[in-house]
């Protein structure tokens, strides 16, 4: 089936071959909104805007009735065949709490859309446990280790904090020297959160 094969290959879900070539084949403009509840970070709301070429492939394969939107049954098929397998890669969401990696295994509210001929994924990556950034160091990155997919998060416009307690926190986007991409030619970025303790 062309849909499943082409999309899984394109998303580098058979990563060894992709890592060997290691230059981007898919581009994503991303927004990451850290969600707070009662002063604790509970998840990250992602918005991914895919490049024109990959968007065209998704629309061709999943907008079956060609009405320029994903109807509920089309959303289910897209989620099954072009999104769910990203779980193996933590949905390109790299979280550290107290310097230790935290695996993202759960997402919710997956809502793909077609906007100006580009496909947009919206979903929430749920933390295994809420994190109080006043007492535990928290940082996160959104990237593909293999660099088959280039995820660009604008340092100023692509990061947001929202929810109860977010107003006491600030963020900085810095290069992560522990996450080299493309054989060290560039580095992933990480979002560091710092909050007032009062």
Protein backbone atom coordinates (compact mmCIF):
# COMPACT_ATOMS: atom_id res chain seq x y z
CA UNK A 1 0.00 0.00 0.00
CA UNK A 2 1.64 3.24 -1.14
CA UNK A 3 0.20 5.27 1.72
CA UNK A 4 1.75 3.34 4.56
CA UNK A 5 5.03 2.58 2.82
CA UNK A 6 5.71 6.07 1.54
CA UNK A 7 4.72 7.82 4.74
CA UNK A 8 6.67 5.55 7.04
CA UNK A 9 9.71 5.85 4.84
CA UNK A 10 9.32 9.59 4.62
CA UNK A 11 9.02 9.92 8.38
CA UNK A 12 12.23 7.93 8.80
CA UNK A 13 10.51 5.33 10.92
CA UNK A 14 13.03 2.86 9.61
CA UNK A 15 15.75 5.05 11.01
CA UNK A 16 19.04 3.23 10.22
CA UNK A 17 18.88 4.02 6.50
CA UNK A 18 17.78 7.55 7.24
CA UNK A 19 20.63 8.06 9.67
CA UNK A 20 23.12 7.00 7.01
CA UNK A 21 21.92 9.71 4.66
CA UNK A 22 21.21 12.09 7.55
CA UNK A 23 20.09 15.18 5.70
CA UNK A 24 16.55 16.47 6.01
CA UNK A 25 13.87 15.13 3.70
CA UNK A 26 10.92 16.59 5.61
CA UNK A 27 10.70 20.06 7.13
CA UNK A 28 8.46 21.09 10.00
CA UNK A 29 7.85 24.57 11.40
CA UNK A 30 6.90 23.90 14.98
CA UNK A 31 5.37 25.68 17.93
CA UNK A 32 5.74 24.24 21.42
CA UNK A 33 3.44 25.48 24.17
CA UNK A 34 4.35 24.26 27.63
CA UNK A 35 1.13 23.64 29.51
CA UNK A 36 0.93 24.46 33.22
CA UNK A 37 -1.64 23.43 35.80
CA UNK A 38 -1.33 24.78 39.34
CA UNK A 39 2.28 25.74 38.71
CA UNK A 40 3.32 22.37 37.33
CA UNK A 41 4.13 21.46 33.74
CA UNK A 42 1.81 18.70 32.55
CA UNK A 43 2.55 18.50 28.85
CA UNK A 44 3.57 20.22 25.64
CA UNK A 45 1.04 21.32 23.06
CA UNK A 46 2.65 20.85 19.65
CA UNK A 47 1.73 22.48 16.38
CA UNK A 48 3.66 21.17 13.37
CA UNK A 49 3.33 22.74 9.94
CA UNK A 50 4.73 20.42 7.25
CA UNK A 51 6.53 21.51 4.11
CA UNK A 52 4.63 21.72 0.83
CA UNK A 53 5.91 18.45 -0.63
CA UNK A 54 5.09 16.29 2.36
CA UNK A 55 1.79 18.11 2.89
CA UNK A 56 0.81 17.28 -0.67
CA UNK A 57 1.57 13.60 -0.04
CA UNK A 58 -0.54 13.54 3.12
CA UNK A 59 -3.46 15.32 1.46
CA UNK A 60 -3.29 13.02 -1.57
CA UNK A 61 -3.31 9.90 0.59
CA UNK A 62 -5.77 10.85 3.34
CA UNK A 63 -8.19 13.48 2.04
CA UNK A 64 -10.18 10.79 0.28
CA UNK A 65 -13.15 12.94 -0.71
CA UNK A 66 -10.94 15.88 -1.77
CA UNK A 67 -12.86 18.43 0.30
CA UNK A 68 -9.63 20.04 1.59
CA UNK A 69 -10.17 18.95 5.16
CA UNK A 70 -9.70 15.80 7.20
CA UNK A 71 -13.08 14.34 8.11
CA UNK A 72 -13.34 12.18 11.27
CA UNK A 73 -12.79 8.88 9.46
CA UNK A 74 -9.84 10.37 7.57
CA UNK A 75 -8.34 11.61 10.85
CA UNK A 76 -8.48 8.09 12.26
CA UNK A 77 -6.73 6.64 9.23
CA UNK A 78 -4.10 9.35 9.22
CA UNK A 79 -3.44 8.87 12.92
CA UNK A 80 -3.08 5.12 12.49
CA UNK A 81 -0.86 5.19 9.39
CA UNK A 82 1.12 8.42 9.59
CA UNK A 83 1.27 9.47 13.24
CA UNK A 84 1.00 6.64 15.77
CA UNK A 85 4.35 5.09 14.83
CA UNK A 86 6.08 8.26 16.05
CA UNK A 87 5.59 6.87 19.56
CA UNK A 88 8.74 4.83 19.00
CA UNK A 89 10.61 8.13 18.73
CA UNK A 90 8.88 9.90 21.59
CA UNK A 91 7.02 12.08 19.09
CA UNK A 92 10.32 13.97 18.57
CA UNK A 93 9.80 15.38 22.08
CA UNK A 94 12.90 15.23 24.28
CA UNK A 95 12.26 16.09 27.92
CA UNK A 96 14.71 16.13 30.79
CA UNK A 97 13.83 16.54 34.44
CA UNK A 98 16.70 17.08 36.81
CA UNK A 99 19.05 16.27 33.94
CA UNK A 100 17.50 12.84 33.35
CA UNK A 101 15.64 11.92 30.17
CA UNK A 102 11.89 11.37 30.47
CA UNK A 103 10.21 9.26 27.80
CA UNK A 104 7.02 10.57 26.22
CA UNK A 105 4.68 7.66 25.62
CA UNK A 106 1.25 9.29 25.71
CA UNK A 107 -0.34 11.92 23.51
CA UNK A 108 -3.87 13.28 23.34
CA UNK A 109 -6.05 15.57 21.26
CA UNK A 110 -4.49 14.70 17.91
CA UNK A 111 -6.07 17.11 15.42
CA UNK A 112 -4.66 17.30 11.90
CA UNK A 113 -5.85 20.04 9.56
CA UNK A 114 -5.22 21.46 6.10
CA UNK A 115 -4.44 25.17 6.13
CA UNK A 116 -3.37 27.07 3.02
CA UNK A 117 -2.52 23.73 1.37
CA UNK A 118 -0.22 22.73 4.22
CA UNK A 119 -0.89 19.96 6.69
CA UNK A 120 -0.81 20.92 10.36
CA UNK A 121 -0.59 18.44 13.22
CA UNK A 122 -1.79 19.57 16.65
CA UNK A 123 -1.46 17.30 19.66
CA UNK A 124 -0.43 17.29 23.30
CA UNK A 125 2.57 15.29 24.47
CA UNK A 126 1.68 14.30 28.03
CA UNK A 127 4.35 14.12 30.73
CA UNK A 128 4.32 10.87 32.75
CA UNK A 129 4.03 13.01 35.88
CA UNK A 130 3.51 16.75 36.38
CA UNK A 131 6.77 18.60 36.99
CA UNK A 132 7.21 21.56 39.32
CA UNK A 133 9.90 23.66 37.58
CA UNK A 134 10.49 25.59 40.80
CA UNK A 135 11.95 22.51 42.45
CA UNK A 136 13.20 20.44 39.50
CA UNK A 137 15.26 21.54 36.51
CA UNK A 138 13.15 21.17 33.37
CA UNK A 139 14.15 21.42 29.74
CA UNK A 140 12.74 20.12 26.48
CA UNK A 141 13.64 19.88 22.82
CA UNK A 142 11.70 19.10 19.67
CA UNK A 143 13.89 17.38 17.09
CA UNK A 144 14.64 14.20 15.16
CA UNK A 145 17.94 12.60 16.19
CA UNK A 146 18.48 11.18 12.69
CA UNK A 147 17.97 14.63 11.11
CA UNK A 148 15.83 13.04 8.44
CA UNK A 149 13.13 15.42 9.66
CA UNK A 150 14.20 19.00 10.32
CA UNK A 151 12.00 20.44 13.08
CA UNK A 152 12.43 24.19 13.37
CA UNK A 153 11.18 25.90 16.52
CA UNK A 154 11.59 29.66 16.30
CA UNK A 155 13.35 30.69 19.55
CA UNK A 156 11.18 33.80 20.02
CA UNK A 157 7.88 32.98 18.32
CA UNK A 158 7.78 29.19 18.52
CA UNK A 159 7.81 28.75 22.30
CA UNK A 160 4.95 29.66 24.62
CA UNK A 161 4.00 29.10 28.25
CA UNK A 162 0.32 28.77 29.13
CA UNK A 163 -1.88 27.84 32.07
CA UNK A 164 -1.99 28.36 35.81
CA UNK A 165 1.43 29.29 37.18
CA UNK A 166 3.06 29.95 33.81
CA UNK A 167 3.20 33.68 34.55
CA UNK A 168 5.91 33.05 37.18
CA UNK A 169 8.19 31.37 34.65
CA UNK A 170 10.47 32.37 31.81
CA UNK A 171 12.20 30.37 29.10
CA UNK A 172 15.42 30.48 27.15
CA UNK A 173 16.21 28.58 23.95
CA UNK A 174 19.82 27.42 23.73
CA UNK A 175 21.91 25.04 21.67
CA UNK A 176 22.10 21.57 23.18
CA UNK A 177 25.73 20.53 22.85
CA UNK A 178 24.73 17.05 24.01
CA UNK A 179 22.48 16.62 20.96
CA UNK A 180 24.57 16.96 17.79
CA UNK A 181 22.74 16.58 14.48
CA UNK A 182 24.06 15.69 11.03
CA UNK A 183 27.38 14.36 12.37
CA UNK A 184 27.89 17.45 14.51
CA UNK A 185 27.31 19.99 11.73
CA UNK A 186 24.55 21.52 13.84
CA UNK A 187 22.94 21.05 17.22
CA UNK A 188 19.42 20.64 18.49
CA UNK A 189 17.93 23.39 20.58
CA UNK A 190 16.47 22.96 24.01
CA UNK A 191 13.96 25.04 25.92
CA UNK A 192 15.08 25.78 29.47
CA UNK A 193 12.46 26.82 32.02
CA UNK A 194 13.20 28.94 35.07
CA UNK A 195 10.53 29.99 37.56
CA UNK A 196 10.29 32.27 40.57
CA UNK A 197 10.28 30.24 43.78
CA UNK A 198 8.12 32.68 45.73
